[in-house]
Amino acid sequence: MKKTIPLTLPFSEIRARDLSLVGGKGANLGELADAGFPVPPGFCLTTVAFQIFIATARDANAIYALLDTIRTDDVDRARVIGERVRQCLLALPMPKEIADSVRHIWQKTGTDAAYAVRSSATAEDLPDASFAGQQDTYLNIIGEEALLDAIRRCWVSLFTDRAILYRCQNNFSHRNVQMSVIVQKMILSEQSGTLFTADPLTGHRHTLTI
């Protein structure tokens, strides 16, 4: 019997083995939660949901064929095609089966909270390409309608001009990079910081800077 891949997964059910379903950030959040770290609760929309959303576009194959014509040095063409692709995808309605799955898990996680909606592409956090900052993040999202809209916009941000050109420059197929979306409760932090896994001044890989 063929196993059905879920459209949404809570952090508690996510592990590193699920990289192809929830991307680098999603997989890491699952591992941190499993290890007992105080990770704010949330869930991921899997790449299967992204594929269903893209498939609702009548000319999905034409979109990818158009993206494949962009050269790494052709910023103007990337801008024109990127805008066309984004307008097409933003006009698509949220598929009912995805909306139902999000609604169900969101209600269990807490409908009164404000959420961060973040991208987690399958090509992120790789040894040779980070993709950091290529896609969009939406903060303080409250309510079902705003949540579904932010998820759609997060998917569509896979086709920002900078993301398109970065894939071209690093020889990643537009078709092969999939997008998961992280939906995570926001908290009022007392302290925050950034960990650099290479010295930001020298690039030294054996120096961590917080």
N, C-alpha and C. Protein backbone atom coordinates (compact mmCIF):
# COMPACT_ATOMS: atom_id res chain seq x y z
N MET A 1 0.85 -1.20 0.00
CA MET A 1 0.00 0.00 0.00
C MET A 1 0.88 1.25 0.00
N LYS A 2 0.63 2.15 -0.91
CA LYS A 2 1.45 3.35 -1.03
C LYS A 2 1.18 4.33 0.11
N LYS A 3 2.25 4.82 0.73
CA LYS A 3 2.12 5.75 1.85
C LYS A 3 1.78 7.14 1.34
N THR A 4 0.78 7.76 1.97
CA THR A 4 0.39 9.12 1.60
C THR A 4 1.28 10.12 2.32
N ILE A 5 1.89 11.03 1.58
CA ILE A 5 2.76 12.04 2.17
C ILE A 5 1.89 13.21 2.63
N PRO A 6 1.99 13.60 3.89
CA PRO A 6 1.13 14.67 4.40
C PRO A 6 1.46 16.03 3.80
N LEU A 7 0.48 16.90 3.79
CA LEU A 7 0.67 18.27 3.30
C LEU A 7 1.27 19.16 4.38
N THR A 8 1.01 18.82 5.64
CA THR A 8 1.56 19.57 6.77
C THR A 8 2.12 18.60 7.80
N LEU A 9 3.16 19.05 8.51
CA LEU A 9 3.78 18.24 9.56
C LEU A 9 4.14 19.13 10.74
N PRO A 10 3.80 18.72 11.97
CA PRO A 10 4.26 19.48 13.14
C PRO A 10 5.76 19.23 13.35
N PHE A 11 6.43 20.17 14.01
CA PHE A 11 7.86 20.01 14.26
C PHE A 11 8.17 18.67 14.94
N SER A 12 7.25 18.21 15.80
CA SER A 12 7.48 16.99 16.57
C SER A 12 7.61 15.75 15.68
N GLU A 13 7.13 15.82 14.46
CA GLU A 13 7.19 14.66 13.56
C GLU A 13 8.24 14.82 12.47
N ILE A 14 9.07 15.85 12.57
CA ILE A 14 10.06 16.14 11.53
C ILE A 14 11.46 15.78 12.02
N ARG A 15 12.24 15.15 11.13
CA ARG A 15 13.62 14.81 11.44
C ARG A 15 14.50 15.18 10.24
N ALA A 16 15.80 15.02 10.38
CA ALA A 16 16.74 15.36 9.31
C ALA A 16 16.45 14.57 8.03
N ARG A 17 15.93 13.37 8.19
CA ARG A 17 15.63 12.53 7.02
C ARG A 17 14.54 13.13 6.13
N ASP A 18 13.83 14.13 6.66
CA ASP A 18 12.72 14.74 5.92
C ASP A 18 13.15 15.98 5.13
N LEU A 19 14.44 16.12 4.87
CA LEU A 19 14.97 17.30 4.16
C LEU A 19 14.22 17.56 2.85
N SER A 20 13.94 16.53 2.09
CA SER A 20 13.28 16.72 0.79
C SER A 20 11.83 17.17 0.96
N LEU A 21 11.26 16.99 2.14
CA LEU A 21 9.87 17.39 2.39
C LEU A 21 9.75 18.77 3.02
N VAL A 22 10.74 19.14 3.87
CA VAL A 22 10.59 20.38 4.65
C VAL A 22 11.79 21.32 4.51
N GLY A 23 12.75 20.99 3.65
CA GLY A 23 13.90 21.87 3.45
C GLY A 23 14.83 21.88 4.64
N GLY A 24 15.93 22.64 4.50
CA GLY A 24 16.96 22.65 5.52
C GLY A 24 16.50 23.23 6.85
N LYS A 25 15.87 24.40 6.82
CA LYS A 25 15.43 25.03 8.07
C LYS A 25 14.39 24.17 8.78
N GLY A 26 13.44 23.64 8.03
CA GLY A 26 12.40 22.82 8.64
C GLY A 26 12.98 21.57 9.29
N ALA A 27 13.91 20.91 8.60
CA ALA A 27 14.52 19.70 9.15
C ALA A 27 15.30 20.00 10.42
N ASN A 28 16.00 21.13 10.43
CA ASN A 28 16.79 21.50 11.61
C ASN A 28 15.88 21.83 12.80
N LEU A 29 14.76 22.49 12.54
CA LEU A 29 13.82 22.79 13.62
C LEU A 29 13.26 21.50 14.23
N GLY A 30 12.99 20.53 13.39
CA GLY A 30 12.51 19.24 13.89
C GLY A 30 13.54 18.56 14.77
N GLU A 31 14.80 18.58 14.35
CA GLU A 31 15.87 17.97 15.14
C GLU A 31 16.06 18.70 16.47
N LEU A 32 16.00 20.04 16.45
CA LEU A 32 16.17 20.81 17.68
C LEU A 32 15.03 20.53 18.66
N ALA A 33 13.81 20.47 18.14
CA ALA A 33 12.66 20.17 19.00
C ALA A 33 12.79 18.78 19.60
N ASP A 34 13.22 17.81 18.80
CA ASP A 34 13.37 16.44 19.28
C ASP A 34 14.47 16.33 20.33
N ALA A 35 15.49 17.19 20.23
CA ALA A 35 16.60 17.16 21.18
C ALA A 35 16.25 17.86 22.50
N GLY A 36 15.08 18.47 22.56
CA GLY A 36 14.65 19.09 23.80
C GLY A 36 14.91 20.57 23.92
N PHE A 37 15.36 21.20 22.85
CA PHE A 37 15.57 22.64 22.89
C PHE A 37 14.20 23.36 22.91
N PRO A 38 14.15 24.56 23.51
CA PRO A 38 12.87 25.28 23.63
C PRO A 38 12.47 25.96 22.32
N VAL A 39 12.12 25.17 21.34
CA VAL A 39 11.73 25.68 20.03
C VAL A 39 10.27 26.13 20.08
N PRO A 40 9.96 27.38 19.72
CA PRO A 40 8.56 27.79 19.66
C PRO A 40 7.77 26.85 18.75
N PRO A 41 6.58 26.45 19.14
CA PRO A 41 5.82 25.45 18.38
C PRO A 41 5.44 25.95 16.99
N GLY A 42 5.24 24.99 16.12
CA GLY A 42 4.83 25.33 14.76
C GLY A 42 4.75 24.10 13.88
N PHE A 43 4.65 24.34 12.59
CA PHE A 43 4.51 23.24 11.64
C PHE A 43 5.07 23.66 10.29
N CYS A 44 5.23 22.70 9.42
CA CYS A 44 5.72 22.95 8.06
C CYS A 44 4.70 22.48 7.04
N LEU A 45 4.53 23.26 5.99
CA LEU A 45 3.85 22.75 4.81
C LEU A 45 4.91 22.04 3.98
N THR A 46 4.66 20.82 3.61
CA THR A 46 5.66 20.04 2.90
C THR A 46 5.77 20.48 1.44
N THR A 47 6.82 20.01 0.80
CA THR A 47 7.02 20.33 -0.62
C THR A 47 5.91 19.75 -1.50
N VAL A 48 5.21 18.74 -0.98
CA VAL A 48 4.08 18.18 -1.73
C VAL A 48 3.00 19.25 -1.89
N ALA A 49 2.77 20.05 -0.84
CA ALA A 49 1.79 21.13 -0.93
C ALA A 49 2.21 22.14 -1.99
N PHE A 50 3.50 22.46 -2.01
CA PHE A 50 4.03 23.39 -3.02
C PHE A 50 3.80 22.86 -4.43
N GLN A 51 4.06 21.58 -4.63
CA GLN A 51 3.89 20.97 -5.95
C GLN A 51 2.43 21.01 -6.39
N ILE A 52 1.52 20.78 -5.45
CA ILE A 52 0.09 20.84 -5.77
C ILE A 52 -0.29 22.26 -6.17
N PHE A 53 0.22 23.23 -5.41
CA PHE A 53 -0.08 24.63 -5.72
C PHE A 53 0.42 25.01 -7.11
N ILE A 54 1.67 24.68 -7.42
CA ILE A 54 2.24 25.01 -8.73
C ILE A 54 1.46 24.33 -9.85
N ALA A 55 1.04 23.09 -9.60
CA ALA A 55 0.33 22.32 -10.63
C ALA A 55 -1.02 22.93 -10.98
N THR A 56 -1.57 23.80 -10.12
CA THR A 56 -2.85 24.42 -10.44
C THR A 56 -2.71 25.51 -11.51
N ALA A 57 -1.48 25.94 -11.78
CA ALA A 57 -1.26 26.89 -12.87
C ALA A 57 -1.41 26.16 -14.20
N ARG A 58 -2.22 26.68 -15.08
CA ARG A 58 -2.48 26.00 -16.36
C ARG A 58 -1.21 25.84 -17.18
N ASP A 59 -0.31 26.82 -17.06
CA ASP A 59 0.91 26.80 -17.88
C ASP A 59 2.16 26.63 -17.02
N ALA A 60 2.10 25.71 -16.04
CA ALA A 60 3.23 25.49 -15.14
C ALA A 60 4.49 25.09 -15.92
N ASN A 61 4.36 24.21 -16.89
CA ASN A 61 5.52 23.79 -17.68
C ASN A 61 6.09 24.95 -18.47
N ALA A 62 5.21 25.81 -18.99
CA ALA A 62 5.66 26.98 -19.74
C ALA A 62 6.42 27.95 -18.84
N ILE A 63 5.99 28.06 -17.59
CA ILE A 63 6.67 28.93 -16.63
C ILE A 63 8.12 28.49 -16.44
N TYR A 64 8.31 27.19 -16.20
CA TYR A 64 9.66 26.69 -16.00
C TYR A 64 10.50 26.77 -17.28
N ALA A 65 9.86 26.55 -18.41
CA ALA A 65 10.58 26.67 -19.68
C ALA A 65 11.06 28.10 -19.89
N LEU A 66 10.25 29.07 -19.49
CA LEU A 66 10.61 30.48 -19.61
C LEU A 66 11.78 30.81 -18.67
N LEU A 67 11.73 30.29 -17.46
CA LEU A 67 12.82 30.52 -16.50
C LEU A 67 14.14 29.94 -17.01
N ASP A 68 14.05 28.82 -17.72
CA ASP A 68 15.26 28.17 -18.24
C ASP A 68 15.96 29.00 -19.31
N THR A 69 15.28 30.01 -19.85
CA THR A 69 15.90 30.84 -20.90
C THR A 69 16.75 31.97 -20.32
N ILE A 70 16.73 32.16 -19.01
CA ILE A 70 17.44 33.28 -18.38
C ILE A 70 18.92 32.94 -18.24
N ARG A 71 19.78 33.86 -18.67
CA ARG A 71 21.22 33.70 -18.49
C ARG A 71 21.65 34.37 -17.20
N THR A 72 22.77 33.92 -16.67
CA THR A 72 23.23 34.43 -15.38
C THR A 72 23.53 35.92 -15.40
N ASP A 73 23.89 36.46 -16.57
CA ASP A 73 24.25 37.88 -16.65
C ASP A 73 23.12 38.77 -17.17
N ASP A 74 21.94 38.19 -17.36
CA ASP A 74 20.82 38.94 -17.94
C ASP A 74 19.84 39.35 -16.84
N VAL A 75 20.21 40.38 -16.09
CA VAL A 75 19.40 40.84 -14.97
C VAL A 75 18.06 41.38 -15.44
N ASP A 76 18.07 42.11 -16.54
CA ASP A 76 16.82 42.71 -17.04
C ASP A 76 15.81 41.64 -17.43
N ARG A 77 16.27 40.58 -18.09
CA ARG A 77 15.35 39.51 -18.49
C ARG A 77 14.84 38.77 -17.26
N ALA A 78 15.70 38.58 -16.28
CA ALA A 78 15.27 37.93 -15.04
C ALA A 78 14.19 38.75 -14.35
N ARG A 79 14.33 40.07 -14.40
CA ARG A 79 13.35 40.95 -13.76
C ARG A 79 11.99 40.86 -14.46
N VAL A 80 12.01 40.87 -15.78
CA VAL A 80 10.77 40.82 -16.55
C VAL A 80 10.07 39.47 -16.38
N ILE A 81 10.83 38.40 -16.53
CA ILE A 81 10.23 37.06 -16.42
C ILE A 81 9.80 36.79 -14.98
N GLY A 82 10.62 37.20 -14.02
CA GLY A 82 10.27 37.00 -12.62
C GLY A 82 8.96 37.67 -12.26
N GLU A 83 8.77 38.90 -12.72
CA GLU A 83 7.53 39.62 -12.45
C GLU A 83 6.34 38.91 -13.08
N ARG A 84 6.51 38.40 -14.30
CA ARG A 84 5.43 37.69 -14.97
C ARG A 84 5.04 36.42 -14.22
N VAL A 85 6.06 35.68 -13.77
CA VAL A 85 5.82 34.44 -13.03
C VAL A 85 5.12 34.73 -11.71
N ARG A 86 5.59 35.72 -10.99
CA ARG A 86 4.99 36.04 -9.69
C ARG A 86 3.54 36.48 -9.83
N GLN A 87 3.24 37.30 -10.81
CA GLN A 87 1.86 37.74 -11.02
C GLN A 87 0.95 36.56 -11.33
N CYS A 88 1.45 35.63 -12.12
CA CYS A 88 0.67 34.44 -12.47
C CYS A 88 0.36 33.61 -11.23
N LEU A 89 1.38 33.37 -10.39
CA LEU A 89 1.21 32.51 -9.23
C LEU A 89 0.41 33.18 -8.12
N LEU A 90 0.56 34.49 -7.96
CA LEU A 90 -0.19 35.19 -6.92
C LEU A 90 -1.69 35.22 -7.21
N ALA A 91 -2.04 35.05 -8.48
CA ALA A 91 -3.45 35.05 -8.87
C ALA A 91 -4.12 33.69 -8.63
N LEU A 92 -3.33 32.67 -8.31
CA LEU A 92 -3.90 31.34 -8.12
C LEU A 92 -4.58 31.24 -6.75
N PRO A 93 -5.73 30.61 -6.69
CA PRO A 93 -6.38 30.39 -5.38
C PRO A 93 -5.63 29.30 -4.60
N MET A 94 -5.76 29.35 -3.30
CA MET A 94 -5.18 28.30 -2.47
C MET A 94 -5.99 27.01 -2.65
N PRO A 95 -5.36 25.92 -3.06
CA PRO A 95 -6.11 24.66 -3.22
C PRO A 95 -6.81 24.26 -1.92
N LYS A 96 -8.04 23.79 -2.03
CA LYS A 96 -8.86 23.51 -0.85
C LYS A 96 -8.22 22.47 0.06
N GLU A 97 -7.62 21.44 -0.51
CA GLU A 97 -7.05 20.39 0.35
C GLU A 97 -5.89 20.93 1.19
N ILE A 98 -5.15 21.90 0.65
CA ILE A 98 -4.06 22.51 1.41
C ILE A 98 -4.63 23.43 2.49
N ALA A 99 -5.61 24.24 2.13
CA ALA A 99 -6.24 25.14 3.10
C ALA A 99 -6.84 24.35 4.26
N ASP A 100 -7.48 23.21 3.96
CA ASP A 100 -8.08 22.38 5.01
C ASP A 100 -7.01 21.81 5.94
N SER A 101 -5.89 21.36 5.36
CA SER A 101 -4.81 20.80 6.17
C SER A 101 -4.18 21.86 7.06
N VAL A 102 -3.95 23.05 6.50
CA VAL A 102 -3.38 24.16 7.28
C VAL A 102 -4.33 24.55 8.40
N ARG A 103 -5.61 24.66 8.09
CA ARG A 103 -6.61 25.06 9.09
C ARG A 103 -6.62 24.07 10.26
N HIS A 104 -6.55 22.80 9.95
CA HIS A 104 -6.61 21.76 10.99
C HIS A 104 -5.41 21.86 11.93
N ILE A 105 -4.21 21.93 11.39
CA ILE A 105 -3.01 21.94 12.24
C ILE A 105 -2.85 23.30 12.93
N TRP A 106 -3.28 24.38 12.28
CA TRP A 106 -3.21 25.72 12.87
C TRP A 106 -4.14 25.80 14.08
N GLN A 107 -5.31 25.22 13.99
CA GLN A 107 -6.25 25.23 15.10
C GLN A 107 -5.69 24.46 16.30
N LYS A 108 -4.94 23.40 16.04
CA LYS A 108 -4.34 22.64 17.13
C LYS A 108 -3.14 23.38 17.73
N THR A 109 -2.44 24.16 16.91
CA THR A 109 -1.25 24.88 17.38
C THR A 109 -1.63 26.14 18.15
N GLY A 110 -2.76 26.76 17.77
CA GLY A 110 -3.21 27.96 18.47
C GLY A 110 -3.60 29.06 17.53
N THR A 111 -4.89 29.38 17.46
CA THR A 111 -5.38 30.36 16.49
C THR A 111 -5.22 31.80 16.96
N ASP A 112 -4.95 32.01 18.25
CA ASP A 112 -4.85 33.38 18.76
C ASP A 112 -3.43 33.94 18.67
N ALA A 113 -2.48 33.12 18.34
CA ALA A 113 -1.08 33.56 18.33
C ALA A 113 -0.73 34.30 17.04
N ALA A 114 0.35 35.08 17.11
CA ALA A 114 0.95 35.67 15.91
C ALA A 114 2.03 34.71 15.42
N TYR A 115 2.13 34.57 14.11
CA TYR A 115 3.04 33.58 13.53
C TYR A 115 4.06 34.24 12.59
N ALA A 116 5.21 33.59 12.51
CA ALA A 116 6.18 33.88 11.46
C ALA A 116 5.99 32.85 10.36
N VAL A 117 5.95 33.31 9.13
CA VAL A 117 5.81 32.41 7.98
C VAL A 117 7.08 32.54 7.17
N ARG A 118 7.84 31.45 7.09
CA ARG A 118 9.21 31.50 6.55
C ARG A 118 9.41 30.44 5.49
N SER A 119 10.28 30.74 4.56
CA SER A 119 10.61 29.78 3.50
C SER A 119 11.60 28.74 4.02
N SER A 120 11.51 27.55 3.46
CA SER A 120 12.49 26.50 3.73
C SER A 120 12.64 25.69 2.45
N ALA A 121 13.46 26.21 1.55
CA ALA A 121 13.63 25.54 0.25
C ALA A 121 14.55 24.33 0.39
N THR A 122 14.38 23.36 -0.49
CA THR A 122 15.17 22.13 -0.40
C THR A 122 16.63 22.36 -0.75
N ALA A 123 16.96 23.51 -1.32
CA ALA A 123 18.36 23.79 -1.68
C ALA A 123 19.03 24.71 -0.66
N GLU A 124 18.40 24.95 0.49
CA GLU A 124 18.97 25.85 1.48
C GLU A 124 19.95 25.11 2.38
N ASP A 125 20.88 25.90 2.97
CA ASP A 125 21.81 25.40 3.98
C ASP A 125 22.64 24.24 3.47
N LEU A 126 23.09 24.33 2.22
CA LEU A 126 23.95 23.32 1.63
C LEU A 126 25.42 23.73 1.78
N PRO A 127 26.35 22.78 1.70
CA PRO A 127 27.77 23.11 1.86
C PRO A 127 28.28 24.16 0.86
N ASP A 128 27.77 24.13 -0.37
CA ASP A 128 28.29 25.01 -1.41
C ASP A 128 27.34 26.14 -1.81
N ALA A 129 26.16 26.17 -1.23
CA ALA A 129 25.18 27.21 -1.57
C ALA A 129 24.18 27.34 -0.43
N SER A 130 24.09 28.53 0.14
CA SER A 130 23.24 28.69 1.33
C SER A 130 21.81 29.09 0.98
N PHE A 131 21.63 29.89 -0.08
CA PHE A 131 20.33 30.44 -0.45
C PHE A 131 19.74 31.33 0.64
N ALA A 132 20.55 31.71 1.61
CA ALA A 132 20.05 32.54 2.72
C ALA A 132 19.55 33.88 2.19
N GLY A 133 18.35 34.26 2.61
CA GLY A 133 17.80 35.55 2.23
C GLY A 133 17.24 35.63 0.83
N GLN A 134 17.22 34.52 0.11
CA GLN A 134 16.73 34.57 -1.27
C GLN A 134 15.20 34.62 -1.33
N GLN A 135 14.55 33.95 -0.37
CA GLN A 135 13.09 33.94 -0.32
C GLN A 135 12.60 34.85 0.82
N ASP A 136 11.29 35.02 0.89
CA ASP A 136 10.72 36.01 1.81
C ASP A 136 10.23 35.40 3.12
N THR A 137 10.19 36.25 4.15
CA THR A 137 9.64 35.91 5.46
C THR A 137 8.56 36.92 5.81
N TYR A 138 7.48 36.44 6.43
CA TYR A 138 6.39 37.32 6.84
C TYR A 138 6.17 37.15 8.34
N LEU A 139 6.12 38.27 9.06
CA LEU A 139 6.04 38.24 10.52
C LEU A 139 4.71 38.78 11.03
N ASN A 140 4.39 38.40 12.27
CA ASN A 140 3.18 38.87 12.95
C ASN A 140 1.90 38.57 12.15
N ILE A 141 1.82 37.36 11.65
CA ILE A 141 0.65 36.94 10.87
C ILE A 141 -0.41 36.40 11.82
N ILE A 142 -1.58 37.02 11.80
CA ILE A 142 -2.66 36.65 12.70
C ILE A 142 -3.93 36.38 11.89
N GLY A 143 -4.57 35.27 12.15
CA GLY A 143 -5.83 34.96 11.49
C GLY A 143 -5.66 34.05 10.28
N GLU A 144 -6.72 33.31 9.97
CA GLU A 144 -6.66 32.31 8.90
C GLU A 144 -6.40 32.92 7.53
N GLU A 145 -7.14 33.96 7.19
CA GLU A 145 -6.99 34.56 5.86
C GLU A 145 -5.58 35.10 5.65
N ALA A 146 -5.05 35.79 6.66
CA ALA A 146 -3.70 36.34 6.55
C ALA A 146 -2.66 35.23 6.47
N LEU A 147 -2.90 34.13 7.20
CA LEU A 147 -1.97 33.01 7.19
C LEU A 147 -1.89 32.36 5.82
N LEU A 148 -3.04 32.08 5.22
CA LEU A 148 -3.06 31.45 3.91
C LEU A 148 -2.43 32.35 2.84
N ASP A 149 -2.67 33.66 2.96
CA ASP A 149 -2.08 34.60 2.01
C ASP A 149 -0.56 34.64 2.16
N ALA A 150 -0.07 34.63 3.40
CA ALA A 150 1.38 34.66 3.63
C ALA A 150 2.05 33.39 3.12
N ILE A 151 1.37 32.26 3.27
CA ILE A 151 1.91 31.00 2.75
C ILE A 151 2.05 31.07 1.24
N ARG A 152 1.02 31.57 0.56
CA ARG A 152 1.07 31.70 -0.90
C ARG A 152 2.22 32.62 -1.31
N ARG A 153 2.35 33.75 -0.65
CA ARG A 153 3.40 34.70 -0.98
C ARG A 153 4.79 34.12 -0.71
N CYS A 154 4.88 33.30 0.31
CA CYS A 154 6.16 32.65 0.62
C CYS A 154 6.54 31.68 -0.51
N TRP A 155 5.57 30.90 -0.98
CA TRP A 155 5.82 30.02 -2.13
C TRP A 155 6.30 30.83 -3.34
N VAL A 156 5.58 31.89 -3.62
CA VAL A 156 5.87 32.70 -4.81
C VAL A 156 7.24 33.36 -4.72
N SER A 157 7.72 33.60 -3.49
CA SER A 157 9.04 34.24 -3.34
C SER A 157 10.18 33.34 -3.79
N LEU A 158 9.89 32.08 -4.11
CA LEU A 158 10.90 31.23 -4.73
C LEU A 158 11.30 31.79 -6.09
N PHE A 159 10.48 32.70 -6.61
CA PHE A 159 10.70 33.27 -7.94
C PHE A 159 10.98 34.77 -7.89
N THR A 160 11.57 35.24 -6.77
CA THR A 160 12.07 36.61 -6.75
C THR A 160 13.23 36.71 -7.73
N ASP A 161 13.52 37.93 -8.18
CA ASP A 161 14.62 38.11 -9.14
C ASP A 161 15.92 37.55 -8.59
N ARG A 162 16.19 37.84 -7.31
CA ARG A 162 17.46 37.41 -6.72
C ARG A 162 17.53 35.89 -6.61
N ALA A 163 16.40 35.24 -6.29
CA ALA A 163 16.39 33.79 -6.17
C ALA A 163 16.59 33.13 -7.53
N ILE A 164 15.95 33.68 -8.55
CA ILE A 164 16.10 33.14 -9.91
C ILE A 164 17.56 33.23 -10.36
N LEU A 165 18.16 34.39 -10.18
CA LEU A 165 19.54 34.59 -10.62
C LEU A 165 20.52 33.76 -9.80
N TYR A 166 20.25 33.60 -8.50
CA TYR A 166 21.14 32.80 -7.67
C TYR A 166 21.15 31.34 -8.13
N ARG A 167 19.96 30.81 -8.48
CA ARG A 167 19.91 29.44 -8.99
C ARG A 167 20.65 29.34 -10.31
N CYS A 168 20.49 30.34 -11.17
CA CYS A 168 21.21 30.32 -12.45
C CYS A 168 22.73 30.32 -12.23
N GLN A 169 23.18 31.18 -11.34
CA GLN A 169 24.62 31.32 -11.09
C GLN A 169 25.23 30.07 -10.47
N ASN A 170 24.42 29.32 -9.72
CA ASN A 170 24.93 28.13 -9.04
C ASN A 170 24.47 26.82 -9.71
N ASN A 171 23.95 26.95 -10.92
CA ASN A 171 23.58 25.78 -11.74
C ASN A 171 22.56 24.86 -11.05
N PHE A 172 21.55 25.47 -10.41
CA PHE A 172 20.45 24.71 -9.84
C PHE A 172 19.26 24.79 -10.79
N SER A 173 18.66 23.65 -11.07
CA SER A 173 17.48 23.61 -11.92
C SER A 173 16.31 24.27 -11.19
N HIS A 174 15.61 25.17 -11.87
CA HIS A 174 14.44 25.81 -11.27
C HIS A 174 13.38 24.77 -10.91
N ARG A 175 13.26 23.74 -11.72
CA ARG A 175 12.24 22.71 -11.49
C ARG A 175 12.55 21.85 -10.27
N ASN A 176 13.84 21.67 -9.99
CA ASN A 176 14.23 20.73 -8.94
C ASN A 176 14.25 21.34 -7.54
N VAL A 177 14.24 22.66 -7.45
CA VAL A 177 14.23 23.30 -6.14
C VAL A 177 12.77 23.44 -5.69
N GLN A 178 12.45 22.82 -4.57
CA GLN A 178 11.09 22.82 -4.05
C GLN A 178 11.01 23.70 -2.79
N MET A 179 9.83 24.13 -2.45
CA MET A 179 9.65 25.05 -1.34
C MET A 179 8.72 24.46 -0.26
N SER A 180 9.25 24.36 0.95
CA SER A 180 8.43 24.12 2.12
C SER A 180 8.22 25.46 2.80
N VAL A 181 7.19 25.56 3.61
CA VAL A 181 6.92 26.80 4.35
C VAL A 181 6.83 26.47 5.83
N ILE A 182 7.57 27.21 6.65
CA ILE A 182 7.53 27.06 8.10
C ILE A 182 6.53 28.06 8.68
N VAL A 183 5.65 27.57 9.52
CA VAL A 183 4.72 28.43 10.25
C VAL A 183 5.02 28.23 11.74
N GLN A 184 5.50 29.29 12.40
CA GLN A 184 6.01 29.14 13.77
C GLN A 184 5.52 30.29 14.64
N LYS A 185 5.09 29.94 15.86
CA LYS A 185 4.63 30.96 16.79
C LYS A 185 5.75 31.96 17.09
N MET A 186 5.38 33.23 17.13
CA MET A 186 6.34 34.26 17.48
C MET A 186 6.37 34.43 18.99
N ILE A 187 7.52 34.79 19.51
CA ILE A 187 7.68 34.99 20.95
C ILE A 187 8.28 36.37 21.21
N LEU A 188 8.12 36.85 22.44
CA LEU A 188 8.77 38.09 22.87
C LEU A 188 10.10 37.70 23.49
N SER A 189 11.17 37.87 22.75
CA SER A 189 12.48 37.41 23.22
C SER A 189 13.11 38.41 24.19
N GLU A 190 13.86 37.88 25.15
CA GLU A 190 14.63 38.71 26.07
C GLU A 190 16.04 38.94 25.54
N GLN A 191 16.53 37.99 24.78
CA GLN A 191 17.85 38.10 24.17
C GLN A 191 17.81 37.48 22.79
N SER A 192 18.66 37.96 21.90
CA SER A 192 18.73 37.36 20.57
C SER A 192 20.15 37.53 20.04
N GLY A 193 20.48 36.77 19.03
CA GLY A 193 21.82 36.86 18.47
C GLY A 193 21.94 36.06 17.19
N THR A 194 23.08 36.14 16.59
CA THR A 194 23.36 35.41 15.35
C THR A 194 24.66 34.64 15.52
N LEU A 195 24.66 33.39 15.11
CA LEU A 195 25.87 32.57 15.15
C LEU A 195 26.43 32.45 13.73
N PHE A 196 27.65 32.94 13.53
CA PHE A 196 28.34 32.80 12.25
C PHE A 196 29.23 31.56 12.32
N THR A 197 29.04 30.63 11.40
CA THR A 197 29.86 29.41 11.41
C THR A 197 31.18 29.59 10.69
N ALA A 198 31.42 30.80 10.22
CA ALA A 198 32.74 31.20 9.70
C ALA A 198 32.96 32.64 10.15
N ASP A 199 34.19 33.00 10.46
CA ASP A 199 34.49 34.35 10.91
C ASP A 199 34.04 35.34 9.84
N PRO A 200 33.13 36.28 10.16
CA PRO A 200 32.60 37.19 9.14
C PRO A 200 33.63 38.15 8.58
N LEU A 201 34.75 38.32 9.26
CA LEU A 201 35.79 39.23 8.77
C LEU A 201 36.84 38.52 7.95
N THR A 202 37.22 37.32 8.38
CA THR A 202 38.32 36.61 7.70
C THR A 202 37.83 35.44 6.85
N GLY A 203 36.60 34.98 7.11
CA GLY A 203 36.11 33.81 6.39
C GLY A 203 36.65 32.51 6.94
N HIS A 204 37.38 32.55 8.05
CA HIS A 204 37.98 31.36 8.64
C HIS A 204 36.90 30.39 9.10
N ARG A 205 36.97 29.15 8.61
CA ARG A 205 35.92 28.16 8.85
C ARG A 205 36.00 27.47 10.21
N HIS A 206 37.08 27.69 10.94
CA HIS A 206 37.22 27.04 12.23
C HIS A 206 37.02 28.02 13.38
N THR A 207 36.44 29.18 13.08
CA THR A 207 36.13 30.18 14.10
C THR A 207 34.63 30.46 14.09
N LEU A 208 33.99 30.26 15.24
CA LEU A 208 32.58 30.59 15.38
C LEU A 208 32.45 31.94 16.06
N THR A 209 31.58 32.77 15.54
CA THR A 209 31.35 34.09 16.12
C THR A 209 29.89 34.26 16.45
N ILE A 210 29.59 34.63 17.72
CA ILE A 210 28.22 34.85 18.15
C ILE A 210 28.01 36.34 18.35
